Full PDB file with SEQRES, HELIX, SHEET, SSBOND, CRYST1, ORIGX, SCALE, CONECT and MASTER records, all heavy atoms in Angstrom:
SEQRES   1 A   41  ASP ILE GLU ASP TYR ILE GLN VAL ARG GLN ASP GLU GLY          
SEQRES   2 A   41  LEU MET PRO SER THR ILE ASP ARG GLU LEU ASP SER ILE          
SEQRES   3 A   41  SER ALA VAL PHE SER VAL ALA ILE ASN VAL TRP GLY TYR          
SEQRES   4 A   41  ALA VAL                                                      
HELIX    1 AA1 ILE A    2  ASP A   11  1                                  10    
HELIX    2 AA2 PRO A   16  ASN A   35  1                                  20    
CRYST1    1.000    1.000    1.000  90.00  90.00  90.00 P 1           1          
ORIGX1      1.000000  0.000000  0.000000        0.00000                         
ORIGX2      0.000000  1.000000  0.000000        0.00000                         
ORIGX3      0.000000  0.000000  1.000000        0.00000                         
SCALE1      1.000000  0.000000  0.000000        0.00000                         
SCALE2      0.000000  1.000000  0.000000        0.00000                         
SCALE3      0.000000  0.000000  1.000000        0.00000                         
ATOM      1  N   ASP A   1     130.841  -2.041  10.546  1.00  0.00           N  
ATOM      2  CA  ASP A   1     132.236  -2.016  10.991  1.00  0.00           C  
ATOM      3  C   ASP A   1     132.716  -3.423  11.360  1.00  0.00           C  
ATOM      4  O   ASP A   1     133.831  -3.822  11.002  1.00  0.00           O  
ATOM      5  CB  ASP A   1     132.383  -1.083  12.198  1.00  0.00           C  
ATOM      6  CG  ASP A   1     132.107   0.367  11.853  1.00  0.00           C  
ATOM      7  OD1 ASP A   1     132.435   0.769  10.724  1.00  0.00           O  
ATOM      8  OD2 ASP A   1     131.556   1.082  12.705  1.00  0.00           O  
ATOM      9  N   ILE A   2     131.881  -4.165  12.054  1.00  0.00           N  
ATOM     10  CA  ILE A   2     132.263  -5.523  12.453  1.00  0.00           C  
ATOM     11  C   ILE A   2     132.322  -6.434  11.232  1.00  0.00           C  
ATOM     12  O   ILE A   2     133.199  -7.300  11.131  1.00  0.00           O  
ATOM     13  CB  ILE A   2     131.277  -6.082  13.492  1.00  0.00           C  
ATOM     14  CG1 ILE A   2     131.036  -5.058  14.616  1.00  0.00           C  
ATOM     15  CG2 ILE A   2     131.797  -7.372  14.074  1.00  0.00           C  
ATOM     16  CD1 ILE A   2     132.256  -4.705  15.405  1.00  0.00           C  
ATOM     17  N   GLU A   3     131.390  -6.252  10.289  1.00  0.00           N  
ATOM     18  CA  GLU A   3     131.411  -7.048   9.064  1.00  0.00           C  
ATOM     19  C   GLU A   3     132.698  -6.801   8.278  1.00  0.00           C  
ATOM     20  O   GLU A   3     133.294  -7.732   7.729  1.00  0.00           O  
ATOM     21  CB  GLU A   3     130.189  -6.699   8.203  1.00  0.00           C  
ATOM     22  CG  GLU A   3     128.855  -7.129   8.788  1.00  0.00           C  
ATOM     23  CD  GLU A   3     128.488  -8.553   8.388  1.00  0.00           C  
ATOM     24  OE1 GLU A   3     129.251  -9.160   7.612  1.00  0.00           O  
ATOM     25  OE2 GLU A   3     127.450  -9.049   8.857  1.00  0.00           O  
ATOM     26  N   ASP A   4     133.136  -5.538   8.212  1.00  0.00           N  
ATOM     27  CA  ASP A   4     134.403  -5.223   7.531  1.00  0.00           C  
ATOM     28  C   ASP A   4     135.575  -5.879   8.252  1.00  0.00           C  
ATOM     29  O   ASP A   4     136.529  -6.354   7.610  1.00  0.00           O  
ATOM     30  CB  ASP A   4     134.607  -3.713   7.468  1.00  0.00           C  
ATOM     31  CG  ASP A   4     133.584  -3.039   6.554  1.00  0.00           C  
ATOM     32  OD1 ASP A   4     132.989  -3.743   5.716  1.00  0.00           O  
ATOM     33  OD2 ASP A   4     133.380  -1.812   6.703  1.00  0.00           O  
ATOM     34  N   TYR A   5     135.513  -5.898   9.580  1.00  0.00           N  
ATOM     35  CA  TYR A   5     136.575  -6.542  10.356  1.00  0.00           C  
ATOM     36  C   TYR A   5     136.638  -8.042  10.031  1.00  0.00           C  
ATOM     37  O   TYR A   5     137.728  -8.610   9.875  1.00  0.00           O  
ATOM     38  CB  TYR A   5     136.300  -6.332  11.843  1.00  0.00           C  
ATOM     39  CG  TYR A   5     137.180  -7.138  12.764  1.00  0.00           C  
ATOM     40  CD1 TYR A   5     138.463  -6.712  13.071  1.00  0.00           C  
ATOM     41  CD2 TYR A   5     136.732  -8.340  13.307  1.00  0.00           C  
ATOM     42  CE1 TYR A   5     139.280  -7.454  13.908  1.00  0.00           C  
ATOM     43  CE2 TYR A   5     137.540  -9.084  14.145  1.00  0.00           C  
ATOM     44  CZ  TYR A   5     138.807  -8.637  14.448  1.00  0.00           C  
ATOM     45  OH  TYR A   5     139.618  -9.386  15.277  1.00  0.00           O  
ATOM     46  N   ILE A   6     135.472  -8.683   9.911  1.00  0.00           N  
ATOM     47  CA  ILE A   6     135.428 -10.108   9.563  1.00  0.00           C  
ATOM     48  C   ILE A   6     136.065 -10.343   8.199  1.00  0.00           C  
ATOM     49  O   ILE A   6     136.844 -11.283   8.008  1.00  0.00           O  
ATOM     50  CB  ILE A   6     133.979 -10.616   9.586  1.00  0.00           C  
ATOM     51  CG1 ILE A   6     133.402 -10.543  11.004  1.00  0.00           C  
ATOM     52  CG2 ILE A   6     133.887 -12.048   9.061  1.00  0.00           C  
ATOM     53  CD1 ILE A   6     131.926 -10.882  11.081  1.00  0.00           C  
ATOM     54  N   GLN A   7     135.760  -9.466   7.242  1.00  0.00           N  
ATOM     55  CA  GLN A   7     136.308  -9.614   5.902  1.00  0.00           C  
ATOM     56  C   GLN A   7     137.827  -9.454   5.907  1.00  0.00           C  
ATOM     57  O   GLN A   7     138.550 -10.192   5.213  1.00  0.00           O  
ATOM     58  CB  GLN A   7     135.660  -8.589   4.966  1.00  0.00           C  
ATOM     59  CG  GLN A   7     136.059  -8.755   3.510  1.00  0.00           C  
ATOM     60  CD  GLN A   7     135.652 -10.098   2.953  1.00  0.00           C  
ATOM     61  OE1 GLN A   7     134.519 -10.522   3.113  1.00  0.00           O  
ATOM     62  NE2 GLN A   7     136.587 -10.781   2.299  1.00  0.00           N  
ATOM     63  N   VAL A   8     138.323  -8.496   6.687  1.00  0.00           N  
ATOM     64  CA  VAL A   8     139.780  -8.300   6.781  1.00  0.00           C  
ATOM     65  C   VAL A   8     140.448  -9.553   7.348  1.00  0.00           C  
ATOM     66  O   VAL A   8     141.490 -10.002   6.846  1.00  0.00           O  
ATOM     67  CB  VAL A   8     140.091  -7.071   7.659  1.00  0.00           C  
ATOM     68  CG1 VAL A   8     141.578  -6.999   7.983  1.00  0.00           C  
ATOM     69  CG2 VAL A   8     139.651  -5.790   6.963  1.00  0.00           C  
ATOM     70  N   ARG A   9     139.867 -10.121   8.381  1.00  0.00           N  
ATOM     71  CA  ARG A   9     140.432 -11.331   8.976  1.00  0.00           C  
ATOM     72  C   ARG A   9     140.411 -12.494   7.989  1.00  0.00           C  
ATOM     73  O   ARG A   9     141.352 -13.296   7.943  1.00  0.00           O  
ATOM     74  CB  ARG A   9     139.659 -11.698  10.241  1.00  0.00           C  
ATOM     75  CG  ARG A   9     139.920 -10.790  11.426  1.00  0.00           C  
ATOM     76  CD  ARG A   9     141.376 -10.668  11.698  1.00  0.00           C  
ATOM     77  NE  ARG A   9     141.670 -10.270  13.062  1.00  0.00           N  
ATOM     78  CZ  ARG A   9     142.848  -9.818  13.452  1.00  0.00           C  
ATOM     79  NH1 ARG A   9     143.830  -9.678  12.570  1.00  0.00           N  
ATOM     80  NH2 ARG A   9     143.062  -9.487  14.705  1.00  0.00           N  
ATOM     81  N   GLN A  10     139.340 -12.594   7.213  1.00  0.00           N  
ATOM     82  CA  GLN A  10     139.277 -13.663   6.217  1.00  0.00           C  
ATOM     83  C   GLN A  10     140.337 -13.471   5.138  1.00  0.00           C  
ATOM     84  O   GLN A  10     140.951 -14.443   4.677  1.00  0.00           O  
ATOM     85  CB  GLN A  10     137.880 -13.704   5.599  1.00  0.00           C  
ATOM     86  CG  GLN A  10     136.805 -14.209   6.543  1.00  0.00           C  
ATOM     87  CD  GLN A  10     135.418 -14.142   5.939  1.00  0.00           C  
ATOM     88  OE1 GLN A  10     135.185 -13.428   4.961  1.00  0.00           O  
ATOM     89  NE2 GLN A  10     134.473 -14.882   6.519  1.00  0.00           N  
ATOM     90  N   ASP A  11     140.562 -12.222   4.737  1.00  0.00           N  
ATOM     91  CA  ASP A  11     141.592 -11.942   3.734  1.00  0.00           C  
ATOM     92  C   ASP A  11     142.987 -12.258   4.272  1.00  0.00           C  
ATOM     93  O   ASP A  11     143.896 -12.572   3.493  1.00  0.00           O  
ATOM     94  CB  ASP A  11     141.520 -10.486   3.294  1.00  0.00           C  
ATOM     95  CG  ASP A  11     140.213 -10.165   2.564  1.00  0.00           C  
ATOM     96  OD1 ASP A  11     139.572 -11.122   2.081  1.00  0.00           O  
ATOM     97  OD2 ASP A  11     139.848  -8.976   2.500  1.00  0.00           O  
ATOM     98  N   GLU A  12     143.175 -12.150   5.573  1.00  0.00           N  
ATOM     99  CA  GLU A  12     144.465 -12.472   6.179  1.00  0.00           C  
ATOM    100  C   GLU A  12     144.692 -13.972   6.287  1.00  0.00           C  
ATOM    101  O   GLU A  12     145.789 -14.396   6.679  1.00  0.00           O  
ATOM    102  CB  GLU A  12     144.561 -11.839   7.568  1.00  0.00           C  
ATOM    103  CG  GLU A  12     144.640 -10.320   7.538  1.00  0.00           C  
ATOM    104  CD  GLU A  12     144.628  -9.717   8.934  1.00  0.00           C  
ATOM    105  OE1 GLU A  12     144.470 -10.489   9.915  1.00  0.00           O  
ATOM    106  OE2 GLU A  12     144.783  -8.495   9.051  1.00  0.00           O  
ATOM    107  N   GLY A  13     143.670 -14.774   5.968  1.00  0.00           N  
ATOM    108  CA  GLY A  13     143.835 -16.217   5.974  1.00  0.00           C  
ATOM    109  C   GLY A  13     143.480 -16.897   7.276  1.00  0.00           C  
ATOM    110  O   GLY A  13     143.821 -18.079   7.464  1.00  0.00           O  
ATOM    111  N   LEU A  14     142.795 -16.209   8.185  1.00  0.00           N  
ATOM    112  CA  LEU A  14     142.421 -16.823   9.456  1.00  0.00           C  
ATOM    113  C   LEU A  14     141.294 -17.833   9.251  1.00  0.00           C  
ATOM    114  O   LEU A  14     140.436 -17.644   8.385  1.00  0.00           O  
ATOM    115  CB  LEU A  14     141.983 -15.762  10.472  1.00  0.00           C  
ATOM    116  CG  LEU A  14     143.089 -15.188  11.365  1.00  0.00           C  
ATOM    117  CD1 LEU A  14     144.057 -14.348  10.540  1.00  0.00           C  
ATOM    118  CD2 LEU A  14     142.494 -14.357  12.485  1.00  0.00           C  
ATOM    119  N   MET A  15     141.314 -18.879  10.055  1.00  0.00           N  
ATOM    120  CA  MET A  15     140.266 -19.890   9.990  1.00  0.00           C  
ATOM    121  C   MET A  15     138.952 -19.304  10.509  1.00  0.00           C  
ATOM    122  O   MET A  15     138.955 -18.444  11.399  1.00  0.00           O  
ATOM    123  CB  MET A  15     140.661 -21.101  10.822  1.00  0.00           C  
ATOM    124  CG  MET A  15     141.903 -21.804  10.323  1.00  0.00           C  
ATOM    125  SD  MET A  15     141.649 -22.566   8.711  1.00  0.00           S  
ATOM    126  CE  MET A  15     140.502 -23.868   9.158  1.00  0.00           C  
ATOM    127  N   PRO A  16     137.822 -19.753   9.977  1.00  0.00           N  
ATOM    128  CA  PRO A  16     136.524 -19.257  10.464  1.00  0.00           C  
ATOM    129  C   PRO A  16     136.330 -19.465  11.961  1.00  0.00           C  
ATOM    130  O   PRO A  16     135.740 -18.615  12.629  1.00  0.00           O  
ATOM    131  CB  PRO A  16     135.513 -20.074   9.647  1.00  0.00           C  
ATOM    132  CG  PRO A  16     136.233 -20.460   8.412  1.00  0.00           C  
ATOM    133  CD  PRO A  16     137.659 -20.667   8.828  1.00  0.00           C  
ATOM    134  N   SER A  17     136.825 -20.577  12.501  1.00  0.00           N  
ATOM    135  CA  SER A  17     136.686 -20.812  13.942  1.00  0.00           C  
ATOM    136  C   SER A  17     137.483 -19.796  14.747  1.00  0.00           C  
ATOM    137  O   SER A  17     137.034 -19.345  15.811  1.00  0.00           O  
ATOM    138  CB  SER A  17     137.153 -22.223  14.283  1.00  0.00           C  
ATOM    139  OG  SER A  17     138.496 -22.435  13.858  1.00  0.00           O  
ATOM    140  N   THR A  18     138.662 -19.403  14.252  1.00  0.00           N  
ATOM    141  CA  THR A  18     139.469 -18.387  14.945  1.00  0.00           C  
ATOM    142  C   THR A  18     138.762 -17.037  14.930  1.00  0.00           C  
ATOM    143  O   THR A  18     138.716 -16.326  15.936  1.00  0.00           O  
ATOM    144  CB  THR A  18     140.848 -18.264  14.277  1.00  0.00           C  
ATOM    145  OG1 THR A  18     141.490 -19.543  14.279  1.00  0.00           O  
ATOM    146  CG2 THR A  18     141.724 -17.267  15.021  1.00  0.00           C  
ATOM    147  N   ILE A  19     138.192 -16.674  13.776  1.00  0.00           N  
ATOM    148  CA  ILE A  19     137.455 -15.410  13.672  1.00  0.00           C  
ATOM    149  C   ILE A  19     136.255 -15.426  14.600  1.00  0.00           C  
ATOM    150  O   ILE A  19     135.939 -14.423  15.257  1.00  0.00           O  
ATOM    151  CB  ILE A  19     137.023 -15.170  12.217  1.00  0.00           C  
ATOM    152  CG1 ILE A  19     138.239 -15.090  11.300  1.00  0.00           C  
ATOM    153  CG2 ILE A  19     136.188 -13.903  12.107  1.00  0.00           C  
ATOM    154  CD1 ILE A  19     137.898 -14.987   9.827  1.00  0.00           C  
ATOM    155  N   ASP A  20     135.590 -16.553  14.702  1.00  0.00           N  
ATOM    156  CA  ASP A  20     134.409 -16.655  15.564  1.00  0.00           C  
ATOM    157  C   ASP A  20     134.786 -16.464  17.028  1.00  0.00           C  
ATOM    158  O   ASP A  20     134.044 -15.832  17.789  1.00  0.00           O  
ATOM    159  CB  ASP A  20     133.741 -18.011  15.357  1.00  0.00           C  
ATOM    160  CG  ASP A  20     132.366 -18.083  15.993  1.00  0.00           C  
ATOM    161  OD1 ASP A  20     131.519 -17.232  15.665  1.00  0.00           O  
ATOM    162  OD2 ASP A  20     132.139 -18.967  16.829  1.00  0.00           O  
ATOM    163  N   ARG A  21     135.926 -16.983  17.446  1.00  0.00           N  
ATOM    164  CA  ARG A  21     136.376 -16.773  18.837  1.00  0.00           C  
ATOM    165  C   ARG A  21     136.715 -15.300  19.077  1.00  0.00           C  
ATOM    166  O   ARG A  21     136.467 -14.777  20.169  1.00  0.00           O  
ATOM    167  CB  ARG A  21     137.579 -17.666  19.132  1.00  0.00           C  
ATOM    168  CG  ARG A  21     137.218 -19.130  19.330  1.00  0.00           C  
ATOM    169  CD  ARG A  21     138.369 -19.904  19.908  1.00  0.00           C  
ATOM    170  NE  ARG A  21     139.468 -20.013  18.970  1.00  0.00           N  
ATOM    171  CZ  ARG A  21     139.624 -21.015  18.103  1.00  0.00           C  
ATOM    172  NH1 ARG A  21     138.721 -21.967  18.044  1.00  0.00           N  
ATOM    173  NH2 ARG A  21     140.659 -21.050  17.291  1.00  0.00           N  
ATOM    174  N   GLU A  22     137.291 -14.630  18.076  1.00  0.00           N  
ATOM    175  CA  GLU A  22     137.565 -13.199  18.223  1.00  0.00           C  
ATOM    176  C   GLU A  22     136.254 -12.415  18.355  1.00  0.00           C  
ATOM    177  O   GLU A  22     136.174 -11.474  19.155  1.00  0.00           O  
ATOM    178  CB  GLU A  22     138.373 -12.701  17.026  1.00  0.00           C  
ATOM    179  CG  GLU A  22     139.805 -13.230  16.981  1.00  0.00           C  
ATOM    180  CD  GLU A  22     140.594 -12.619  15.841  1.00  0.00           C  
ATOM    181  OE1 GLU A  22     139.991 -11.897  15.015  1.00  0.00           O  
ATOM    182  OE2 GLU A  22     141.817 -12.855  15.781  1.00  0.00           O  
ATOM    183  N   LEU A  23     135.254 -12.814  17.600  1.00  0.00           N  
ATOM    184  CA  LEU A  23     133.958 -12.137  17.698  1.00  0.00           C  
ATOM    185  C   LEU A  23     133.325 -12.370  19.065  1.00  0.00           C  
ATOM    186  O   LEU A  23     132.643 -11.487  19.597  1.00  0.00           O  
ATOM    187  CB  LEU A  23     133.021 -12.639  16.597  1.00  0.00           C  
ATOM    188  CG  LEU A  23     133.423 -12.283  15.160  1.00  0.00           C  
ATOM    189  CD1 LEU A  23     132.464 -12.911  14.168  1.00  0.00           C  
ATOM    190  CD2 LEU A  23     133.468 -10.770  14.963  1.00  0.00           C  
ATOM    191  N   ASP A  24     133.557 -13.533  19.648  1.00  0.00           N  
ATOM    192  CA  ASP A  24     133.068 -13.784  21.006  1.00  0.00           C  
ATOM    193  C   ASP A  24     133.698 -12.802  21.997  1.00  0.00           C  
ATOM    194  O   ASP A  24     133.025 -12.305  22.905  1.00  0.00           O  
ATOM    195  CB  ASP A  24     133.396 -15.219  21.426  1.00  0.00           C  
ATOM    196  CG  ASP A  24     132.518 -16.233  20.709  1.00  0.00           C  
ATOM    197  OD1 ASP A  24     131.434 -15.845  20.241  1.00  0.00           O  
ATOM    198  OD2 ASP A  24     132.925 -17.400  20.618  1.00  0.00           O  
ATOM    199  N   SER A  25     134.983 -12.525  21.814  1.00  0.00           N  
ATOM    200  CA  SER A  25     135.675 -11.586  22.714  1.00  0.00           C  
ATOM    201  C   SER A  25     135.138 -10.171  22.538  1.00  0.00           C  
ATOM    202  O   SER A  25     134.909  -9.454  23.522  1.00  0.00           O  
ATOM    203  CB  SER A  25     137.187 -11.621  22.438  1.00  0.00           C  
ATOM    204  OG  SER A  25     137.702 -12.925  22.629  1.00  0.00           O  
ATOM    205  N   ILE A  26     134.936  -9.760  21.293  1.00  0.00           N  
ATOM    206  CA  ILE A  26     134.384  -8.423  21.035  1.00  0.00           C  
ATOM    207  C   ILE A  26     132.972  -8.324  21.602  1.00  0.00           C  
ATOM    208  O   ILE A  26     132.587  -7.305  22.202  1.00  0.00           O  
ATOM    209  CB  ILE A  26     134.396  -8.128  19.523  1.00  0.00           C  
ATOM    210  CG1 ILE A  26     135.838  -8.081  19.009  1.00  0.00           C  
ATOM    211  CG2 ILE A  26     133.684  -6.823  19.220  1.00  0.00           C  
ATOM    212  CD1 ILE A  26     135.949  -7.942  17.504  1.00  0.00           C  
ATOM    213  N   SER A  27     132.184  -9.380  21.427  1.00  0.00           N  
ATOM    214  CA  SER A  27     130.820  -9.388  21.951  1.00  0.00           C  
ATOM    215  C   SER A  27     130.807  -9.288  23.469  1.00  0.00           C  
ATOM    216  O   SER A  27     129.897  -8.669  24.042  1.00  0.00           O  
ATOM    217  CB  SER A  27     130.106 -10.654  21.494  1.00  0.00           C  
ATOM    218  OG  SER A  27     128.791 -10.707  21.983  1.00  0.00           O  
ATOM    219  N   ALA A  28     131.803  -9.879  24.128  1.00  0.00           N  
ATOM    220  CA  ALA A  28     131.874  -9.800  25.590  1.00  0.00           C  
ATOM    221  C   ALA A  28     132.061  -8.356  26.047  1.00  0.00           C  
ATOM    222  O   ALA A  28     131.462  -7.921  27.040  1.00  0.00           O  
ATOM    223  CB  ALA A  28     133.020 -10.673  26.097  1.00  0.00           C  
ATOM    224  N   VAL A  29     132.881  -7.589  25.323  1.00  0.00           N  
ATOM    225  CA  VAL A  29     133.080  -6.167  25.671  1.00  0.00           C  
ATOM    226  C   VAL A  29     131.779  -5.396  25.469  1.00  0.00           C  
ATOM    227  O   VAL A  29     131.396  -4.565  26.306  1.00  0.00           O  
ATOM    228  CB  VAL A  29     134.214  -5.570  24.815  1.00  0.00           C  
ATOM    229  CG1 VAL A  29     134.402  -4.089  25.143  1.00  0.00           C  
ATOM    230  CG2 VAL A  29     135.517  -6.321  25.051  1.00  0.00           C  
ATOM    231  N   PHE A  30     131.091  -5.655  24.369  1.00  0.00           N  
ATOM    232  CA  PHE A  30     129.805  -4.992  24.115  1.00  0.00           C  
ATOM    233  C   PHE A  30     128.811  -5.276  25.243  1.00  0.00           C  
ATOM    234  O   PHE A  30     128.140  -4.369  25.747  1.00  0.00           O  
ATOM    235  CB  PHE A  30     129.231  -5.472  22.782  1.00  0.00           C  
ATOM    236  CG  PHE A  30     129.614  -4.626  21.602  1.00  0.00           C  
ATOM    237  CD1 PHE A  30     130.837  -4.805  20.983  1.00  0.00           C  
ATOM    238  CD2 PHE A  30     128.762  -3.656  21.114  1.00  0.00           C  
ATOM    239  CE1 PHE A  30     131.206  -4.037  19.887  1.00  0.00           C  
ATOM    240  CE2 PHE A  30     129.106  -2.879  20.026  1.00  0.00           C  
ATOM    241  CZ  PHE A  30     130.338  -3.066  19.404  1.00  0.00           C  
ATOM    242  N   SER A  31     128.703  -6.534  25.632  1.00  0.00           N  
ATOM    243  CA  SER A  31     127.716  -6.922  26.639  1.00  0.00           C  
ATOM    244  C   SER A  31     127.992  -6.266  27.979  1.00  0.00           C  
ATOM    245  O   SER A  31     127.079  -5.734  28.631  1.00  0.00           O  
ATOM    246  CB  SER A  31     127.704  -8.447  26.797  1.00  0.00           C  
ATOM    247  OG  SER A  31     127.335  -9.070  25.589  1.00  0.00           O  
ATOM    248  N   VAL A  32     129.251  -6.279  28.416  1.00  0.00           N  
ATOM    249  CA  VAL A  32     129.595  -5.683  29.711  1.00  0.00           C  
ATOM    250  C   VAL A  32     129.410  -4.167  29.667  1.00  0.00           C  
ATOM    251  O   VAL A  32     128.893  -3.565  30.619  1.00  0.00           O  
ATOM    252  CB  VAL A  32     131.032  -6.060  30.101  1.00  0.00           C  
ATOM    253  CG1 VAL A  32     131.458  -5.300  31.358  1.00  0.00           C  
ATOM    254  CG2 VAL A  32     131.140  -7.558  30.340  1.00  0.00           C  
ATOM    255  N   ALA A  33     129.821  -3.542  28.556  1.00  0.00           N  
ATOM    256  CA  ALA A  33     129.703  -2.083  28.447  1.00  0.00           C  
ATOM    257  C   ALA A  33     128.240  -1.640  28.502  1.00  0.00           C  
ATOM    258  O   ALA A  33     127.906  -0.630  29.132  1.00  0.00           O  
ATOM    259  CB  ALA A  33     130.365  -1.604  27.163  1.00  0.00           C  
ATOM    260  N   ILE A  34     127.356  -2.394  27.854  1.00  0.00           N  
ATOM    261  CA  ILE A  34     125.941  -2.015  27.787  1.00  0.00           C  
ATOM    262  C   ILE A  34     125.204  -2.394  29.064  1.00  0.00           C  
ATOM    263  O   ILE A  34     124.479  -1.587  29.651  1.00  0.00           O  
ATOM    264  CB  ILE A  34     125.276  -2.662  26.561  1.00  0.00           C  
ATOM    265  CG1 ILE A  34     125.902  -2.118  25.276  1.00  0.00           C  
ATOM    266  CG2 ILE A  34     123.772  -2.408  26.565  1.00  0.00           C  
ATOM    267  CD1 ILE A  34     125.441  -2.836  24.019  1.00  0.00           C  
ATOM    268  N   ASN A  35     125.391  -3.642  29.515  1.00  0.00           N  
ATOM    269  CA  ASN A  35     124.578  -4.168  30.616  1.00  0.00           C  
ATOM    270  C   ASN A  35     125.132  -3.862  31.995  1.00  0.00           C  
ATOM    271  O   ASN A  35     124.364  -3.813  32.960  1.00  0.00           O  
ATOM    272  CB  ASN A  35     124.427  -5.687  30.463  1.00  0.00           C  
ATOM    273  CG  ASN A  35     123.789  -6.076  29.146  1.00  0.00           C  
ATOM    274  OD1 ASN A  35     122.929  -5.365  28.634  1.00  0.00           O  
ATOM    275  ND2 ASN A  35     124.212  -7.184  28.577  1.00  0.00           N  
ATOM    276  N   VAL A  36     126.446  -3.654  32.113  1.00  0.00           N  
ATOM    277  CA  VAL A  36     127.059  -3.455  33.426  1.00  0.00           C  
ATOM    278  C   VAL A  36     127.520  -2.015  33.617  1.00  0.00           C  
ATOM    279  O   VAL A  36     127.220  -1.388  34.640  1.00  0.00           O  
ATOM    280  CB  VAL A  36     128.249  -4.429  33.618  1.00  0.00           C  
ATOM    281  CG1 VAL A  36     128.889  -4.224  34.997  1.00  0.00           C  
ATOM    282  CG2 VAL A  36     127.794  -5.874  33.458  1.00  0.00           C  
ATOM    283  N   TRP A  37     128.221  -1.483  32.629  1.00  0.00           N  
ATOM    284  CA  TRP A  37     128.782  -0.139  32.796  1.00  0.00           C  
ATOM    285  C   TRP A  37     127.813   0.964  32.387  1.00  0.00           C  
ATOM    286  O   TRP A  37     128.083   2.139  32.625  1.00  0.00           O  
ATOM    287  CB  TRP A  37     130.075  -0.019  31.981  1.00  0.00           C  
ATOM    288  CG  TRP A  37     131.155  -0.954  32.463  1.00  0.00           C  
ATOM    289  CD1 TRP A  37     131.278  -1.495  33.703  1.00  0.00           C  
ATOM    290  CD2 TRP A  37     132.249  -1.452  31.690  1.00  0.00           C  
ATOM    291  NE1 TRP A  37     132.381  -2.298  33.772  1.00  0.00           N  
ATOM    292  CE2 TRP A  37     133.005  -2.291  32.556  1.00  0.00           C  
ATOM    293  CE3 TRP A  37     132.688  -1.279  30.382  1.00  0.00           C  
ATOM    294  CZ2 TRP A  37     134.154  -2.954  32.126  1.00  0.00           C  
ATOM    295  CZ3 TRP A  37     133.830  -1.928  29.962  1.00  0.00           C  
ATOM    296  CH2 TRP A  37     134.560  -2.753  30.818  1.00  0.00           C  
ATOM    297  N   GLY A  38     126.700   0.619  31.771  1.00  0.00           N  
ATOM    298  CA  GLY A  38     125.674   1.609  31.472  1.00  0.00           C  
ATOM    299  C   GLY A  38     125.922   2.464  30.261  1.00  0.00           C  
ATOM    300  O   GLY A  38     125.399   3.586  30.179  1.00  0.00           O  
ATOM    301  N   TYR A  39     126.684   1.970  29.296  1.00  0.00           N  
ATOM    302  CA  TYR A  39     126.894   2.722  28.053  1.00  0.00           C  
ATOM    303  C   TYR A  39     125.817   2.300  27.064  1.00  0.00           C  
ATOM    304  O   TYR A  39     125.937   1.296  26.371  1.00  0.00           O  
ATOM    305  CB  TYR A  39     128.291   2.456  27.485  1.00  0.00           C  
ATOM    306  CG  TYR A  39     129.396   3.081  28.306  1.00  0.00           C  
ATOM    307  CD1 TYR A  39     130.079   2.340  29.264  1.00  0.00           C  
ATOM    308  CD2 TYR A  39     129.743   4.415  28.138  1.00  0.00           C  
ATOM    309  CE1 TYR A  39     131.082   2.904  30.031  1.00  0.00           C  
ATOM    310  CE2 TYR A  39     130.750   4.997  28.886  1.00  0.00           C  
ATOM    311  CZ  TYR A  39     131.405   4.231  29.838  1.00  0.00           C  
ATOM    312  OH  TYR A  39     132.400   4.801  30.601  1.00  0.00           O  
ATOM    313  N   ALA A  40     124.749   3.072  27.008  1.00  0.00           N  
ATOM    314  CA  ALA A  40     123.591   2.703  26.185  1.00  0.00           C  
ATOM    315  C   ALA A  40     123.850   3.022  24.723  1.00  0.00           C  
ATOM    316  O   ALA A  40     124.491   4.021  24.383  1.00  0.00           O  
ATOM    317  CB  ALA A  40     122.356   3.445  26.670  1.00  0.00           C  
ATOM    318  N   VAL A  41     123.368   2.168  23.858  1.00  0.00           N  
ATOM    319  CA  VAL A  41     123.424   2.392  22.421  1.00  0.00           C  
ATOM    320  C   VAL A  41     122.031   2.110  21.860  1.00  0.00           C  
ATOM    321  O   VAL A  41     121.202   1.455  22.504  1.00  0.00           O  
ATOM    322  CB  VAL A  41     124.458   1.468  21.737  1.00  0.00           C  
ATOM    323  CG1 VAL A  41     125.863   1.837  22.156  1.00  0.00           C  
ATOM    324  CG2 VAL A  41     124.171   0.010  22.050  1.00  0.00           C  
TER     325      VAL A  41                                                      
MASTER        0    0    0    2    0    0    0    6  324    1    0    4          
END                                                                             
């Protein structure tokens, strides 16, 4: 799902650095949800 999201962003013409910052934000939600809020995957 995340790989497809990256491809969509690339097709929209976003710079790789911009996409990487968006992935950092998504990763932050994953980390807090798993490590702090206890949503195990």
